[in-house]
Amino acid sequence: MVHGTHNAVPDDRNADVLIYVNGELFPRNEAKISVFDSGYLVGDGVWDAMRLHDDVLVFADEHLDRLYQAAKAVHMDIGMTREELMSELWKVLRANDMHTHVHCRFMLTRGIKKTPSQDPRLTISGPNLVIIAEHKKADPGSKSKGITLFTSTVRRGSPDYLDARLNCHSKLHEVIALTQAIEAGADEALMLDINGFVSTCNATNFFMIKNGEVWTSTGQYCMNGITRGKIIEVGRRAGLTVLEKNFSLTDVYDADEAFVTGTFGGVTPVNKIDGRVIGTPGIGPVSQYLHELYEAEIELAVEAGKVGKDADLGAA
């Protein structure tokens, strides 16, 4: 049975969700894109995802910052302003009558090619935008049980050939890392950087606790996680010592607690790495505290979002 940070509570409503493709909405089974799409042909695309909580897309500005920075870095013109993109996201959410516990993933590719090729000059259309919104509530079993990690031989690469901070469609190295972990009997993969220090996981960011301190990687070779940044922020604000530093597997094996972070799962405890038991079953006390601080930050964002909506309605 599949177990990991992306486990969701089954929801029959997802069978009938409408999928957005370039301004049109299609039933799930009818949503299609050309085989000449740049993303399909060569992984030439960027993406991001947001969570809808109580009719508010939480941390939207941070997610849009990441998306537009990534598009600019790879010389991709998104073709719409941030406000226009948000309007399209809301179009999908309203069409599906979605209000909370929703995961909204939006993917942009460079567009349609006239022939299979890497060359961006052979693109003959504007960018393709696909939005998939689903009713997805994280399975509470993942938090109560925790997950296991296996250290992959696949490294997080140097930023001069594929910067891990880009949310791009080229994810094959992460898939290979995860496949190794699954074959080793673990749920997900822990990945080292080019210098042998712990970097991140295949789809989440890694944290550990030792002697009351919270450690995570330097950020040079890991994903530019919004949740990662929020955990660092709320932890330091609460007076915890949160360090972004180099550390090795030797340090990890001696950790008191460990957890991973992501937009979908939030804070998920890790209870075993490479067969070594980490802490006690379930979520540790420091990890639980950080989870509570993060949930409180989401609640603040929801309240701020509602106030902003009310202000917009008043101005209208």
C-alpha atoms as a PDB file:
ATOM      1  CA  MET A   1       0.000   0.000   0.000  1.00  0.00           C
ATOM      2  CA  VAL A   2       1.284   3.478  -0.896  1.00  0.00           C
ATOM      3  CA  HIS A   3       2.357   5.522   2.114  1.00  0.00           C
ATOM      4  CA  GLY A   4       4.048   8.921   2.117  1.00  0.00           C
ATOM      5  CA  THR A   5       3.698  12.670   2.406  1.00  0.00           C
ATOM      6  CA  HIS A   6       1.192  12.904  -0.456  1.00  0.00           C
ATOM      7  CA  ASN A   7      -1.317  10.422   0.955  1.00  0.00           C
ATOM      8  CA  ALA A   8      -4.791  11.928   0.789  1.00  0.00           C
ATOM      9  CA  VAL A   9      -8.134  10.953   2.264  1.00  0.00           C
ATOM     10  CA  PRO A  10     -10.187   9.423  -0.604  1.00  0.00           C
ATOM     11  CA  ASP A  11     -12.769  11.829  -2.009  1.00  0.00           C
ATOM     12  CA  ASP A  12     -15.267  10.694  -4.652  1.00  0.00           C
ATOM     13  CA  ARG A  13     -15.854  14.283  -5.769  1.00  0.00           C
ATOM     14  CA  ASN A  14     -12.523  14.236  -7.603  1.00  0.00           C
ATOM     15  CA  ALA A  15     -13.930  11.907 -10.254  1.00  0.00           C
ATOM     16  CA  ASP A  16     -16.019  14.781 -11.576  1.00  0.00           C
ATOM     17  CA  VAL A  17     -13.716  17.792 -11.186  1.00  0.00           C
ATOM     18  CA  LEU A  18     -13.312  20.159 -14.115  1.00  0.00           C
ATOM     19  CA  ILE A  19      -9.759  20.632 -15.411  1.00  0.00           C
ATOM     20  CA  TYR A  20      -8.583  23.938 -16.870  1.00  0.00           C
ATOM     21  CA  VAL A  21      -6.664  23.893 -20.151  1.00  0.00           C
ATOM     22  CA  ASN A  22      -5.825  27.277 -21.685  1.00  0.00           C
ATOM     23  CA  GLY A  23      -8.982  29.066 -20.595  1.00  0.00           C
ATOM     24  CA  GLU A  24     -11.433  26.190 -21.065  1.00  0.00           C
ATOM     25  CA  LEU A  25     -12.834  23.740 -18.529  1.00  0.00           C
ATOM     26  CA  PHE A  26     -13.081  20.033 -19.329  1.00  0.00           C
ATOM     27  CA  PRO A  27     -14.350  16.967 -17.447  1.00  0.00           C
ATOM     28  CA  ARG A  28     -11.417  15.089 -15.940  1.00  0.00           C
ATOM     29  CA  ASN A  29     -11.469  12.310 -18.545  1.00  0.00           C
ATOM     30  CA  GLU A  30     -11.593  14.771 -21.445  1.00  0.00           C
ATOM     31  CA  ALA A  31      -8.774  17.138 -20.424  1.00  0.00           C
ATOM     32  CA  LYS A  32      -5.990  16.763 -22.979  1.00  0.00           C
ATOM     33  CA  ILE A  33      -2.952  18.583 -24.321  1.00  0.00           C
ATOM     34  CA  SER A  34      -0.957  18.139 -27.538  1.00  0.00           C
ATOM     35  CA  VAL A  35       1.825  15.569 -27.800  1.00  0.00           C
ATOM     36  CA  PHE A  36       3.850  18.459 -29.274  1.00  0.00           C
ATOM     37  CA  ASP A  37       3.663  20.362 -25.986  1.00  0.00           C
ATOM     38  CA  SER A  38       7.087  21.489 -24.751  1.00  0.00           C
ATOM     39  CA  GLY A  39       6.489  20.030 -21.329  1.00  0.00           C
ATOM     40  CA  TYR A  40       5.651  16.612 -22.724  1.00  0.00           C
ATOM     41  CA  LEU A  41       8.487  16.610 -25.251  1.00  0.00           C
ATOM     42  CA  VAL A  42      11.394  17.880 -23.132  1.00  0.00           C
ATOM     43  CA  GLY A  43      10.099  18.787 -19.669  1.00  0.00           C
ATOM     44  CA  ASP A  44      10.198  22.478 -20.580  1.00  0.00           C
ATOM     45  CA  GLY A  45       7.848  23.981 -18.037  1.00  0.00           C
ATOM     46  CA  VAL A  46       7.404  25.381 -14.546  1.00  0.00           C
ATOM     47  CA  TRP A  47       4.683  24.777 -11.985  1.00  0.00           C
ATOM     48  CA  ASP A  48       3.469  25.614  -8.512  1.00  0.00           C
ATOM     49  CA  ALA A  49       0.678  24.629  -6.160  1.00  0.00           C
ATOM     50  CA  MET A  50      -1.433  26.268  -3.473  1.00  0.00           C
ATOM     51  CA  ARG A  51      -3.755  25.097  -0.743  1.00  0.00           C
ATOM     52  CA  LEU A  52      -7.284  26.450  -0.403  1.00  0.00           C
ATOM     53  CA  HIS A  53      -8.325  26.879   3.245  1.00  0.00           C
ATOM     54  CA  ASP A  54     -11.743  28.353   4.036  1.00  0.00           C
ATOM     55  CA  ASP A  55     -11.997  30.133   0.661  1.00  0.00           C
ATOM     56  CA  VAL A  56      -8.474  31.569   0.891  1.00  0.00           C
ATOM     57  CA  LEU A  57      -5.496  30.518  -1.240  1.00  0.00           C
ATOM     58  CA  VAL A  58      -2.895  30.517   1.513  1.00  0.00           C
ATOM     59  CA  PHE A  59       0.536  32.131   0.998  1.00  0.00           C
ATOM     60  CA  ALA A  60      -0.441  33.031  -2.568  1.00  0.00           C
ATOM     61  CA  ASP A  61       2.090  35.852  -2.889  1.00  0.00           C
ATOM     62  CA  GLU A  62       4.995  33.573  -1.962  1.00  0.00           C
ATOM     63  CA  HIS A  63       3.879  30.899  -4.416  1.00  0.00           C
ATOM     64  CA  LEU A  64       3.454  33.429  -7.215  1.00  0.00           C
ATOM     65  CA  ASP A  65       6.869  34.922  -6.452  1.00  0.00           C
ATOM     66  CA  ARG A  66       8.407  31.468  -6.865  1.00  0.00           C
ATOM     67  CA  LEU A  67       6.538  30.748 -10.084  1.00  0.00           C
ATOM     68  CA  TYR A  68       7.318  34.043 -11.785  1.00  0.00           C
ATOM     69  CA  GLN A  69      10.963  33.934 -10.698  1.00  0.00           C
ATOM     70  CA  ALA A  70      11.309  30.427 -12.127  1.00  0.00           C
ATOM     71  CA  ALA A  71       9.653  31.437 -15.410  1.00  0.00           C
ATOM     72  CA  LYS A  72      11.937  34.448 -15.717  1.00  0.00           C
ATOM     73  CA  ALA A  73      14.999  32.337 -14.964  1.00  0.00           C
ATOM     74  CA  VAL A  74      14.230  29.941 -17.830  1.00  0.00           C
ATOM     75  CA  HIS A  75      13.227  32.775 -20.221  1.00  0.00           C
ATOM     76  CA  MET A  76       9.573  31.790 -20.295  1.00  0.00           C
ATOM     77  CA  ASP A  77       6.877  34.406 -20.778  1.00  0.00           C
ATOM     78  CA  ILE A  78       3.872  33.360 -18.703  1.00  0.00           C
ATOM     79  CA  GLY A  79       1.683  35.609 -20.842  1.00  0.00           C
ATOM     80  CA  MET A  80      -0.472  36.962 -18.037  1.00  0.00           C
ATOM     81  CA  THR A  81      -0.091  39.105 -14.958  1.00  0.00           C
ATOM     82  CA  ARG A  82      -0.215  37.730 -11.444  1.00  0.00           C
ATOM     83  CA  GLU A  83      -3.712  39.128 -11.067  1.00  0.00           C
ATOM     84  CA  GLU A  84      -4.842  37.459 -14.293  1.00  0.00           C
ATOM     85  CA  LEU A  85      -3.380  34.130 -13.235  1.00  0.00           C
ATOM     86  CA  MET A  86      -5.101  34.345  -9.844  1.00  0.00           C
ATOM     87  CA  SER A  87      -8.359  35.099 -11.640  1.00  0.00           C
ATOM     88  CA  GLU A  88      -7.975  31.878 -13.652  1.00  0.00           C
ATOM     89  CA  LEU A  89      -7.265  29.880 -10.494  1.00  0.00           C
ATOM     90  CA  TRP A  90     -10.427  31.215  -8.907  1.00  0.00           C
ATOM     91  CA  LYS A  91     -12.389  30.411 -12.068  1.00  0.00           C
ATOM     92  CA  VAL A  92     -11.475  26.747 -11.616  1.00  0.00           C
ATOM     93  CA  LEU A  93     -12.233  26.719  -7.893  1.00  0.00           C
ATOM     94  CA  ARG A  94     -15.637  28.340  -8.339  1.00  0.00           C
ATOM     95  CA  ALA A  95     -16.572  26.069 -11.247  1.00  0.00           C
ATOM     96  CA  ASN A  96     -15.842  23.073  -9.009  1.00  0.00           C
ATOM     97  CA  ASP A  97     -17.614  24.610  -5.993  1.00  0.00           C
ATOM     98  CA  MET A  98     -14.470  24.249  -3.894  1.00  0.00           C
ATOM     99  CA  HIS A  99     -14.012  25.956  -0.539  1.00  0.00           C
ATOM    100  CA  THR A 100     -11.504  24.182   1.692  1.00  0.00           C
ATOM    101  CA  HIS A 101      -9.072  21.234   1.832  1.00  0.00           C
ATOM    102  CA  VAL A 102      -8.282  21.761  -1.835  1.00  0.00           C
ATOM    103  CA  HIS A 103      -4.933  21.310  -3.580  1.00  0.00           C
ATOM    104  CA  CYS A 104      -4.592  23.531  -6.642  1.00  0.00           C
ATOM    105  CA  ARG A 105      -1.684  22.759  -8.969  1.00  0.00           C
ATOM    106  CA  PHE A 106      -0.990  24.978 -11.968  1.00  0.00           C
ATOM    107  CA  MET A 107       1.474  24.079 -14.702  1.00  0.00           C
ATOM    108  CA  LEU A 108       2.923  26.242 -17.452  1.00  0.00           C
ATOM    109  CA  THR A 109       4.882  25.024 -20.436  1.00  0.00           C
ATOM    110  CA  ARG A 110       6.602  27.019 -23.145  1.00  0.00           C
ATOM    111  CA  GLY A 111       3.965  25.960 -25.656  1.00  0.00           C
ATOM    112  CA  ILE A 112       3.454  23.801 -28.730  1.00  0.00           C
ATOM    113  CA  LYS A 113       6.445  22.857 -30.908  1.00  0.00           C
ATOM    114  CA  LYS A 114       6.174  22.445 -34.647  1.00  0.00           C
ATOM    115  CA  THR A 115       8.421  19.385 -34.374  1.00  0.00           C
ATOM    116  CA  PRO A 116       9.973  17.394 -31.506  1.00  0.00           C
ATOM    117  CA  SER A 117      12.994  19.436 -30.448  1.00  0.00           C
ATOM    118  CA  GLN A 118      14.608  21.159 -27.469  1.00  0.00           C
ATOM    119  CA  ASP A 119      14.960  24.421 -29.402  1.00  0.00           C
ATOM    120  CA  PRO A 120      12.610  27.058 -27.912  1.00  0.00           C
ATOM    121  CA  ARG A 121      12.643  28.899 -31.250  1.00  0.00           C
ATOM    122  CA  LEU A 122      10.564  26.066 -32.690  1.00  0.00           C
ATOM    123  CA  THR A 123       7.666  26.902 -30.367  1.00  0.00           C
ATOM    124  CA  ILE A 124       4.686  27.972 -32.459  1.00  0.00           C
ATOM    125  CA  SER A 125       2.175  28.913 -29.761  1.00  0.00           C
ATOM    126  CA  GLY A 126       1.956  30.860 -26.564  1.00  0.00           C
ATOM    127  CA  PRO A 127       2.470  29.114 -23.223  1.00  0.00           C
ATOM    128  CA  ASN A 128       0.114  26.317 -22.210  1.00  0.00           C
ATOM    129  CA  LEU A 129      -1.555  26.639 -18.811  1.00  0.00           C
ATOM    130  CA  VAL A 130      -3.159  23.666 -17.082  1.00  0.00           C
ATOM    131  CA  ILE A 131      -4.828  23.930 -13.670  1.00  0.00           C
ATOM    132  CA  ILE A 132      -5.813  20.845 -11.685  1.00  0.00           C
ATOM    133  CA  ALA A 133      -7.729  21.474  -8.472  1.00  0.00           C
ATOM    134  CA  GLU A 134      -8.679  18.485  -6.331  1.00  0.00           C
ATOM    135  CA  HIS A 135     -10.401  17.889  -3.026  1.00  0.00           C
ATOM    136  CA  LYS A 136      -7.355  16.676  -1.091  1.00  0.00           C
ATOM    137  CA  LYS A 137      -7.082  16.448   2.661  1.00  0.00           C
ATOM    138  CA  ALA A 138      -3.847  15.013   3.994  1.00  0.00           C
ATOM    139  CA  ASP A 139      -4.301  11.557   5.470  1.00  0.00           C
ATOM    140  CA  PRO A 140      -3.930  11.937   9.254  1.00  0.00           C
ATOM    141  CA  GLY A 141      -2.386   8.468   9.311  1.00  0.00           C
ATOM    142  CA  SER A 142       0.806   9.864   7.809  1.00  0.00           C
ATOM    143  CA  LYS A 143       1.228  12.204  10.764  1.00  0.00           C
ATOM    144  CA  SER A 144       0.357   9.630  13.386  1.00  0.00           C
ATOM    145  CA  LYS A 145       2.444   6.859  11.837  1.00  0.00           C
ATOM    146  CA  GLY A 146       5.283   8.917  10.369  1.00  0.00           C
ATOM    147  CA  ILE A 147       7.252   7.997   7.260  1.00  0.00           C
ATOM    148  CA  THR A 148      10.496   6.179   6.551  1.00  0.00           C
ATOM    149  CA  LEU A 149      13.341   7.485   4.390  1.00  0.00           C
ATOM    150  CA  PHE A 150      16.148   5.845   2.447  1.00  0.00           C
ATOM    151  CA  THR A 151      19.226   7.770   1.345  1.00  0.00           C
ATOM    152  CA  SER A 152      19.414   7.649  -2.434  1.00  0.00           C
ATOM    153  CA  THR A 153      22.620   7.498  -4.458  1.00  0.00           C
ATOM    154  CA  VAL A 154      21.107  10.227  -6.666  1.00  0.00           C
ATOM    155  CA  ARG A 155      22.438  13.615  -5.542  1.00  0.00           C
ATOM    156  CA  ARG A 156      20.829  17.022  -5.562  1.00  0.00           C
ATOM    157  CA  GLY A 157      22.871  18.598  -8.316  1.00  0.00           C
ATOM    158  CA  SER A 158      24.878  21.746  -8.594  1.00  0.00           C
ATOM    159  CA  PRO A 159      22.824  24.826  -9.528  1.00  0.00           C
ATOM    160  CA  ASP A 160      24.936  25.336 -12.642  1.00  0.00           C
ATOM    161  CA  TYR A 161      23.227  22.410 -14.387  1.00  0.00           C
ATOM    162  CA  LEU A 162      19.805  22.133 -12.739  1.00  0.00           C
ATOM    163  CA  ASP A 163      19.051  24.440  -9.860  1.00  0.00           C
ATOM    164  CA  ALA A 164      16.948  22.549  -7.305  1.00  0.00           C
ATOM    165  CA  ARG A 165      15.197  25.819  -6.446  1.00  0.00           C
ATOM    166  CA  LEU A 166      13.415  25.769  -9.811  1.00  0.00           C
ATOM    167  CA  ASN A 167       9.987  24.149  -9.688  1.00  0.00           C
ATOM    168  CA  CYS A 168      10.409  22.749 -13.174  1.00  0.00           C
ATOM    169  CA  HIS A 169       8.877  19.792 -14.980  1.00  0.00           C
ATOM    170  CA  SER A 170      12.229  17.998 -15.214  1.00  0.00           C
ATOM    171  CA  LYS A 171      11.837  15.642 -12.234  1.00  0.00           C
ATOM    172  CA  LEU A 172      13.387  12.408 -13.515  1.00  0.00           C
ATOM    173  CA  HIS A 173      16.280  12.481 -11.037  1.00  0.00           C
ATOM    174  CA  GLU A 174      13.783  12.782  -8.173  1.00  0.00           C
ATOM    175  CA  VAL A 175      11.708   9.923  -9.559  1.00  0.00           C
ATOM    176  CA  ILE A 176      14.827   7.733  -9.752  1.00  0.00           C
ATOM    177  CA  ALA A 177      15.699   8.636  -6.160  1.00  0.00           C
ATOM    178  CA  LEU A 178      12.183   7.776  -5.001  1.00  0.00           C
ATOM    179  CA  THR A 179      12.232   4.497  -6.924  1.00  0.00           C
ATOM    180  CA  GLN A 180      15.435   3.516  -5.118  1.00  0.00           C
ATOM    181  CA  ALA A 181      13.812   4.304  -1.787  1.00  0.00           C
ATOM    182  CA  ILE A 182      10.670   2.316  -2.590  1.00  0.00           C
ATOM    183  CA  GLU A 183      12.729  -0.681  -3.708  1.00  0.00           C
ATOM    184  CA  ALA A 184      14.632  -0.450  -0.414  1.00  0.00           C
ATOM    185  CA  GLY A 185      11.348  -0.647   1.467  1.00  0.00           C
ATOM    186  CA  ALA A 186      11.105   3.030   2.453  1.00  0.00           C
ATOM    187  CA  ASP A 187       8.377   5.578   1.768  1.00  0.00           C
ATOM    188  CA  GLU A 188      10.476   8.399   0.306  1.00  0.00           C
ATOM    189  CA  ALA A 189      14.062   9.317  -0.531  1.00  0.00           C
ATOM    190  CA  LEU A 190      16.559  11.431   1.371  1.00  0.00           C
ATOM    191  CA  MET A 191      19.015  13.132  -0.998  1.00  0.00           C
ATOM    192  CA  LEU A 192      22.516  14.461  -0.394  1.00  0.00           C
ATOM    193  CA  ASP A 193      24.105  17.454  -2.096  1.00  0.00           C
ATOM    194  CA  ILE A 194      27.201  17.371  -4.306  1.00  0.00           C
ATOM    195  CA  ASN A 195      29.429  17.642  -1.216  1.00  0.00           C
ATOM    196  CA  GLY A 196      27.834  14.740   0.616  1.00  0.00           C
ATOM    197  CA  PHE A 197      25.811  16.827   3.059  1.00  0.00           C
ATOM    198  CA  VAL A 198      22.104  16.220   3.627  1.00  0.00           C
ATOM    199  CA  SER A 199      20.080  18.365   1.243  1.00  0.00           C
ATOM    200  CA  THR A 200      16.395  17.494   0.911  1.00  0.00           C
ATOM    201  CA  CYS A 201      14.013  14.694   0.048  1.00  0.00           C
ATOM    202  CA  ASN A 202      12.691  13.816  -3.394  1.00  0.00           C
ATOM    203  CA  ALA A 203       9.527  15.939  -2.969  1.00  0.00           C
ATOM    204  CA  THR A 204       9.802  17.568   0.464  1.00  0.00           C
ATOM    205  CA  ASN A 205      12.324  19.452   2.599  1.00  0.00           C
ATOM    206  CA  PHE A 206      14.094  17.762   5.492  1.00  0.00           C
ATOM    207  CA  PHE A 207      14.495  18.961   9.097  1.00  0.00           C
ATOM    208  CA  MET A 208      15.989  17.312  12.163  1.00  0.00           C
ATOM    209  CA  ILE A 209      16.133  18.181  15.851  1.00  0.00           C
ATOM    210  CA  LYS A 210      19.211  17.624  17.997  1.00  0.00           C
ATOM    211  CA  ASN A 211      19.592  18.808  21.594  1.00  0.00           C
ATOM    212  CA  GLY A 212      16.669  21.193  21.166  1.00  0.00           C
ATOM    213  CA  GLU A 213      18.068  22.804  17.989  1.00  0.00           C
ATOM    214  CA  VAL A 214      16.280  22.587  14.652  1.00  0.00           C
ATOM    215  CA  TRP A 215      18.572  21.846  11.704  1.00  0.00           C
ATOM    216  CA  THR A 216      17.893  22.044   7.996  1.00  0.00           C
ATOM    217  CA  SER A 217      20.205  22.341   4.996  1.00  0.00           C
ATOM    218  CA  THR A 218      21.822  25.574   3.844  1.00  0.00           C
ATOM    219  CA  GLY A 219      19.246  25.936   1.084  1.00  0.00           C
ATOM    220  CA  GLN A 220      21.907  26.007  -1.641  1.00  0.00           C
ATOM    221  CA  TYR A 221      20.954  22.607  -3.047  1.00  0.00           C
ATOM    222  CA  CYS A 222      17.389  22.095  -1.872  1.00  0.00           C
ATOM    223  CA  MET A 223      13.950  22.973  -3.155  1.00  0.00           C
ATOM    224  CA  ASN A 224      12.801  26.512  -2.505  1.00  0.00           C
ATOM    225  CA  GLY A 225       9.994  25.310  -0.270  1.00  0.00           C
ATOM    226  CA  ILE A 226       7.379  27.798   0.889  1.00  0.00           C
ATOM    227  CA  THR A 227       6.545  25.583   3.873  1.00  0.00           C
ATOM    228  CA  ARG A 228      10.260  25.205   4.627  1.00  0.00           C
ATOM    229  CA  GLY A 229      10.585  28.980   4.782  1.00  0.00           C
ATOM    230  CA  LYS A 230       7.511  29.297   7.013  1.00  0.00           C
ATOM    231  CA  ILE A 231       8.850  26.696   9.467  1.00  0.00           C
ATOM    232  CA  ILE A 232      12.158  28.549   9.715  1.00  0.00           C
ATOM    233  CA  GLU A 233      10.317  31.841  10.199  1.00  0.00           C
ATOM    234  CA  VAL A 234       7.815  30.728  12.847  1.00  0.00           C
ATOM    235  CA  GLY A 235      10.402  28.668  14.705  1.00  0.00           C
ATOM    236  CA  ARG A 236      12.811  31.571  15.057  1.00  0.00           C
ATOM    237  CA  ARG A 237       9.990  33.940  15.969  1.00  0.00           C
ATOM    238  CA  ALA A 238       9.008  31.565  18.784  1.00  0.00           C
ATOM    239  CA  GLY A 239      12.557  31.610  20.142  1.00  0.00           C
ATOM    240  CA  LEU A 240      13.742  28.253  18.827  1.00  0.00           C
ATOM    241  CA  THR A 241      17.262  27.878  17.492  1.00  0.00           C
ATOM    242  CA  VAL A 242      16.719  27.093  13.806  1.00  0.00           C
ATOM    243  CA  LEU A 243      19.945  26.550  11.881  1.00  0.00           C
ATOM    244  CA  GLU A 244      20.481  26.376   8.124  1.00  0.00           C
ATOM    245  CA  LYS A 245      23.752  24.480   7.974  1.00  0.00           C
ATOM    246  CA  ASN A 246      25.739  21.630   6.482  1.00  0.00           C
ATOM    247  CA  PHE A 247      25.341  18.310   8.277  1.00  0.00           C
ATOM    248  CA  SER A 248      25.970  14.685   7.411  1.00  0.00           C
ATOM    249  CA  LEU A 249      24.172  11.383   7.704  1.00  0.00           C
ATOM    250  CA  THR A 250      26.221  10.765  10.843  1.00  0.00           C
ATOM    251  CA  ASP A 251      24.376  13.696  12.417  1.00  0.00           C
ATOM    252  CA  VAL A 252      21.037  12.483  11.078  1.00  0.00           C
ATOM    253  CA  TYR A 253      21.400   8.988  12.526  1.00  0.00           C
ATOM    254  CA  ASP A 254      21.896  10.575  15.960  1.00  0.00           C
ATOM    255  CA  ALA A 255      18.895  12.944  15.662  1.00  0.00           C
ATOM    256  CA  ASP A 256      16.301  13.218  18.410  1.00  0.00           C
ATOM    257  CA  GLU A 257      13.499  13.925  15.922  1.00  0.00           C
ATOM    258  CA  ALA A 258      13.078  14.458  12.197  1.00  0.00           C
ATOM    259  CA  PHE A 259      10.327  15.677   9.907  1.00  0.00           C
ATOM    260  CA  VAL A 260       9.713  16.814   6.348  1.00  0.00           C
ATOM    261  CA  THR A 261       7.714  19.752   5.027  1.00  0.00           C
ATOM    262  CA  GLY A 262       5.617  20.427   1.953  1.00  0.00           C
ATOM    263  CA  THR A 263       2.662  22.473   0.768  1.00  0.00           C
ATOM    264  CA  PHE A 264       0.310  19.481   0.808  1.00  0.00           C
ATOM    265  CA  GLY A 265       1.371  17.564   3.910  1.00  0.00           C
ATOM    266  CA  GLY A 266       2.620  20.470   6.027  1.00  0.00           C
ATOM    267  CA  VAL A 267       4.782  18.870   8.749  1.00  0.00           C
ATOM    268  CA  THR A 268       5.148  15.074   8.526  1.00  0.00           C
ATOM    269  CA  PRO A 269       7.274  13.193  11.072  1.00  0.00           C
ATOM    270  CA  VAL A 270      10.062  10.825  10.027  1.00  0.00           C
ATOM    271  CA  ASN A 271      10.551   7.805  12.267  1.00  0.00           C
ATOM    272  CA  LYS A 272      13.180   5.773  10.413  1.00  0.00           C
ATOM    273  CA  ILE A 273      16.063   6.606   8.061  1.00  0.00           C
ATOM    274  CA  ASP A 274      18.135   3.904   6.358  1.00  0.00           C
ATOM    275  CA  GLY A 275      16.759   1.430   8.864  1.00  0.00           C
ATOM    276  CA  ARG A 276      17.772   3.566  11.866  1.00  0.00           C
ATOM    277  CA  VAL A 277      14.952   4.462  14.246  1.00  0.00           C
ATOM    278  CA  ILE A 278      14.694   8.222  14.817  1.00  0.00           C
ATOM    279  CA  GLY A 279      13.128   9.347  18.091  1.00  0.00           C
ATOM    280  CA  THR A 280       9.947   7.715  19.324  1.00  0.00           C
ATOM    281  CA  PRO A 281       6.906   6.578  17.305  1.00  0.00           C
ATOM    282  CA  GLY A 282       4.743   9.389  15.991  1.00  0.00           C
ATOM    283  CA  ILE A 283       5.627  13.052  16.067  1.00  0.00           C
ATOM    284  CA  GLY A 284       8.191  14.376  18.558  1.00  0.00           C
ATOM    285  CA  PRO A 285       7.552  17.314  20.922  1.00  0.00           C
ATOM    286  CA  VAL A 286       9.579  19.921  19.016  1.00  0.00           C
ATOM    287  CA  SER A 287       8.146  18.770  15.687  1.00  0.00           C
ATOM    288  CA  GLN A 288       4.649  18.950  17.157  1.00  0.00           C
ATOM    289  CA  TYR A 289       5.299  22.474  18.413  1.00  0.00           C
ATOM    290  CA  LEU A 290       6.496  23.568  14.975  1.00  0.00           C
ATOM    291  CA  HIS A 291       3.450  21.911  13.407  1.00  0.00           C
ATOM    292  CA  GLU A 292       1.194  23.932  15.710  1.00  0.00           C
ATOM    293  CA  LEU A 293       3.051  27.154  14.931  1.00  0.00           C
ATOM    294  CA  TYR A 294       2.714  26.464  11.209  1.00  0.00           C
ATOM    295  CA  GLU A 295      -1.022  25.721  11.513  1.00  0.00           C
ATOM    296  CA  ALA A 296      -1.433  28.989  13.418  1.00  0.00           C
ATOM    297  CA  GLU A 297       0.355  30.786  10.576  1.00  0.00           C
ATOM    298  CA  ILE A 298      -2.137  29.291   8.129  1.00  0.00           C
ATOM    299  CA  GLU A 299      -5.019  30.520  10.290  1.00  0.00           C
ATOM    300  CA  LEU A 300      -3.537  34.031  10.308  1.00  0.00           C
ATOM    301  CA  ALA A 301      -3.203  33.911   6.517  1.00  0.00           C
ATOM    302  CA  VAL A 302      -6.829  32.805   6.187  1.00  0.00           C
ATOM    303  CA  GLU A 303      -8.045  35.643   8.397  1.00  0.00           C
ATOM    304  CA  ALA A 304      -5.939  38.161   6.476  1.00  0.00           C
ATOM    305  CA  GLY A 305      -7.296  36.802   3.205  1.00  0.00           C
ATOM    306  CA  LYS A 306     -10.876  37.163   4.377  1.00  0.00           C
ATOM    307  CA  VAL A 307     -10.239  40.724   5.531  1.00  0.00           C
ATOM    308  CA  GLY A 308      -8.706  41.524   2.143  1.00  0.00           C
ATOM    309  CA  LYS A 309     -11.741  40.092   0.326  1.00  0.00           C
ATOM    310  CA  ASP A 310     -14.112  42.102   2.483  1.00  0.00           C
ATOM    311  CA  ALA A 311     -12.104  45.249   1.762  1.00  0.00           C
ATOM    312  CA  ASP A 312     -12.233  44.563  -1.985  1.00  0.00           C
ATOM    313  CA  LEU A 313     -16.000  44.049  -1.825  1.00  0.00           C
ATOM    314  CA  GLY A 314     -16.397  47.275   0.128  1.00  0.00           C
ATOM    315  CA  ALA A 315     -14.357  49.195  -2.432  1.00  0.00           C
ATOM    316  CA  ALA A 316     -16.442  47.723  -5.235  1.00  0.00           C
END
